[in-house]
Protein backbone atom coordinates (compact mmCIF):
# COMPACT_ATOMS: atom_id res chain seq x y z
CA MET A 1 106.79 75.04 126.96
CA THR A 2 105.17 74.91 123.54
CA ILE A 3 104.63 77.04 120.47
CA GLU A 4 101.02 77.40 121.60
CA ALA A 5 102.21 79.00 124.86
CA ALA A 6 104.32 81.48 122.87
CA LYS A 7 101.37 82.28 120.59
CA SER A 8 99.17 82.81 123.64
CA LEU A 9 101.69 85.26 125.11
CA LEU A 10 101.87 87.10 121.78
CA SER A 11 98.10 87.34 121.44
CA SER A 12 97.80 88.71 124.98
CA GLY A 13 100.38 91.42 124.27
CA LYS A 14 103.11 89.93 126.47
CA TYR A 15 105.84 90.41 123.87
CA ILE A 16 108.87 90.37 126.18
CA GLU A 17 107.69 87.17 127.87
CA ALA A 18 106.98 85.61 124.48
CA ALA A 19 110.45 86.59 123.25
CA GLU A 20 112.09 85.05 126.33
CA LEU A 21 110.12 81.83 125.92
CA LEU A 22 110.92 81.69 122.20
CA ASP A 23 114.62 82.31 122.89
CA SER A 24 114.69 79.33 125.25
CA MET A 25 112.89 77.18 122.68
CA ILE A 26 115.22 78.32 119.87
CA SER A 27 118.27 77.45 121.96
CA LYS A 28 117.03 73.84 121.96
CA LYS A 29 115.83 73.80 118.35
CA PRO A 30 117.64 76.49 116.31
CA GLU A 31 116.63 74.94 112.99
CA SER A 32 112.92 75.66 113.57
CA ASP A 33 111.76 78.23 111.03
CA ARG A 34 108.44 78.63 112.86
CA LEU A 35 110.17 79.55 116.14
CA TRP A 36 112.30 82.16 114.35
CA TYR A 37 109.18 83.53 112.65
CA LEU A 38 107.36 83.88 115.96
CA ARG A 39 110.47 85.44 117.49
CA GLY A 40 110.34 87.99 114.67
CA ILE A 41 106.69 88.72 115.48
CA ALA A 42 107.58 89.25 119.15
CA SER A 43 110.39 91.63 118.21
CA LEU A 44 108.24 93.56 115.75
CA LYS A 45 105.40 93.95 118.25
CA ALA A 46 107.90 95.16 120.85
CA GLY A 47 109.22 97.76 118.39
CA ASN A 48 112.56 96.05 117.74
CA HIS A 49 112.60 96.24 113.95
CA ARG A 50 116.22 95.12 113.54
CA GLY A 51 115.67 92.10 115.75
CA ALA A 52 112.49 91.31 113.82
CA GLN A 53 114.27 91.55 110.49
CA GLN A 54 117.05 89.24 111.67
CA SER A 55 114.57 86.67 112.94
CA PHE A 56 112.52 86.74 109.72
CA ILE A 57 115.73 86.35 107.68
CA LYS A 58 116.68 83.28 109.74
CA ALA A 59 113.19 81.81 109.32
CA ALA A 60 113.28 82.41 105.55
CA PHE A 61 116.79 80.97 105.28
CA ILE A 62 115.57 77.74 106.88
CA ARG A 63 112.39 77.62 104.80
CA LYS A 64 111.20 80.00 102.09
CA ARG A 65 107.64 81.01 102.88
CA ALA A 66 105.64 83.99 101.69
CA ASP A 67 104.53 84.96 105.21
CA TYR A 68 108.14 85.15 106.42
CA TYR A 69 109.07 87.53 103.61
CA ARG A 70 105.86 89.53 104.02
CA MET A 71 106.58 90.14 107.69
CA MET A 72 110.18 91.00 106.83
CA GLY A 73 108.75 93.60 104.43
CA ILE A 74 106.51 95.02 107.13
CA ALA A 75 109.48 95.29 109.50
CA HIS A 76 111.33 97.29 106.83
CA MET A 77 108.33 99.37 105.77
CA GLU A 78 107.55 100.50 109.31
CA ILE A 79 110.93 102.24 109.49
CA PHE A 80 110.74 103.46 105.88
CA GLU A 81 113.40 101.16 104.46
CA LEU A 82 111.25 101.02 101.37
CA GLU A 83 113.65 99.41 98.91
CA ASP A 84 114.29 96.55 101.33
CA ALA A 85 110.54 96.32 101.94
CA ILE A 86 109.88 96.10 98.20
CA TYR A 87 112.41 93.28 97.86
CA ALA A 88 110.78 91.33 100.71
CA PHE A 89 107.20 91.91 99.50
CA GLN A 90 108.20 91.04 95.93
CA THR A 91 109.75 87.78 97.12
CA ALA A 92 106.62 86.99 99.13
CA PHE A 93 104.44 87.72 96.11
CA GLU A 94 106.58 85.52 93.86
CA LEU A 95 106.21 82.68 96.38
CA ASP A 96 102.44 83.16 96.58
CA LYS A 97 100.69 84.92 93.67
CA LYS A 98 97.46 85.00 95.73
CA ASP A 99 99.08 87.02 98.53
CA VAL A 100 96.82 90.07 98.57
CA LEU A 101 98.71 91.63 101.50
CA SER A 102 102.07 91.59 99.71
CA ALA A 103 100.50 93.01 96.55
CA PHE A 104 98.85 95.76 98.60
CA PHE A 105 102.04 96.62 100.49
CA LEU A 106 103.98 96.69 97.22
CA ALA A 107 101.46 99.25 95.95
CA VAL A 108 101.95 101.33 99.10
CA CYS A 109 105.75 101.20 98.83
CA TYR A 110 105.74 102.10 95.15
CA THR A 111 103.43 105.01 95.91
CA PHE A 112 106.22 106.60 97.94
CA PHE A 113 108.41 106.48 94.81
CA ASP A 114 105.58 107.83 92.62
CA SER A 115 105.96 104.72 90.48
CA PRO A 116 103.33 103.41 88.06
CA LYS A 117 103.95 100.02 89.68
CA ALA A 118 101.76 101.25 92.55
CA VAL A 119 98.71 101.11 90.27
CA GLU A 120 99.83 97.77 88.84
CA TYR A 121 100.00 96.18 92.30
CA ILE A 122 96.80 97.69 93.63
CA LYS A 123 95.07 96.22 90.56
CA LYS A 124 96.67 92.84 91.30
CA ALA A 125 95.52 93.03 94.93
CA ASN A 126 92.03 93.99 93.79
CA LYS A 127 91.94 91.08 91.35
CA ILE A 128 93.00 88.64 94.08
CA ASP A 129 90.48 89.84 96.67
CA LYS A 130 88.45 92.98 96.01
CA LYS A 131 86.80 93.04 99.45
CA LYS A 132 90.11 92.63 101.33
CA THR A 133 91.81 95.27 99.16
CA LYS A 134 89.00 97.75 99.84
CA GLN A 135 89.32 97.04 103.58
CA LEU A 136 93.11 97.55 103.44
CA LEU A 137 92.68 100.82 101.54
CA ASN A 138 90.12 102.06 104.06
CA ASN A 139 92.43 101.12 106.95
CA PHE A 140 95.32 102.88 105.20
CA TYR A 141 93.16 106.00 104.68
CA ALA A 142 92.06 106.02 108.32
CA ALA A 143 95.62 105.56 109.61
CA PHE A 144 97.29 108.16 107.43
CA PHE A 145 94.67 110.67 106.30
CA GLY A 146 91.44 110.34 108.29
CA GLY A 147 92.65 112.20 111.36
CA SER A 148 95.06 114.50 109.55
CA LYS A 149 94.69 118.18 110.33
CA LYS A 150 96.78 118.99 107.24
CA LEU A 151 94.01 117.92 104.85
CA ASP A 152 90.83 119.94 104.45
CA ALA A 153 87.40 118.31 104.42
CA LYS A 154 87.10 118.51 100.62
CA THR A 155 90.41 116.69 100.06
CA LYS A 156 89.42 114.00 102.56
CA LYS A 157 86.08 113.57 100.80
CA ASN A 158 87.81 113.27 97.42
CA LEU A 159 90.14 110.59 98.83
CA ARG A 160 87.21 108.66 100.32
CA ASP A 161 85.32 108.90 97.01
CA ALA A 162 88.38 107.67 95.11
CA LEU A 163 88.61 104.68 97.44
CA LYS A 164 84.96 103.84 96.84
CA ARG A 165 85.62 103.68 93.09
CA ILE A 166 88.31 101.03 93.48
């Protein structure tokens, strides 16, 4: 089997099958950073955050790449291990200063700590790619606030208006 077969399984939502295929491929080629990265994706999609983190760490140990650290950050962020997420996103951003996703996720993480660094990183993301940053902010709004019954219509409108100004 090939990496393309594993990617196909991942894209069709067959995460367990992809993980099994990747495990068999890794057993033959454990030094492949790309296989470990894909194994991390399979674990993350299947909801196994610890397994994902371990796979991304192995991939990054073999070869330092921004996307490996970014995904490691996402695996941490999804279970609110925010300090670990910040470390991973910061490393990704240091490896690739044009990484709008890492800059955006750093802003999100720092927001939870009410840190002024949140504004700093959202400005960096906006400078890298204004359109992508606006899309990410809109997605973030929709996921966390759009359907919230805890926020009244006026507060939601104010949030949407604030997003439009960015």
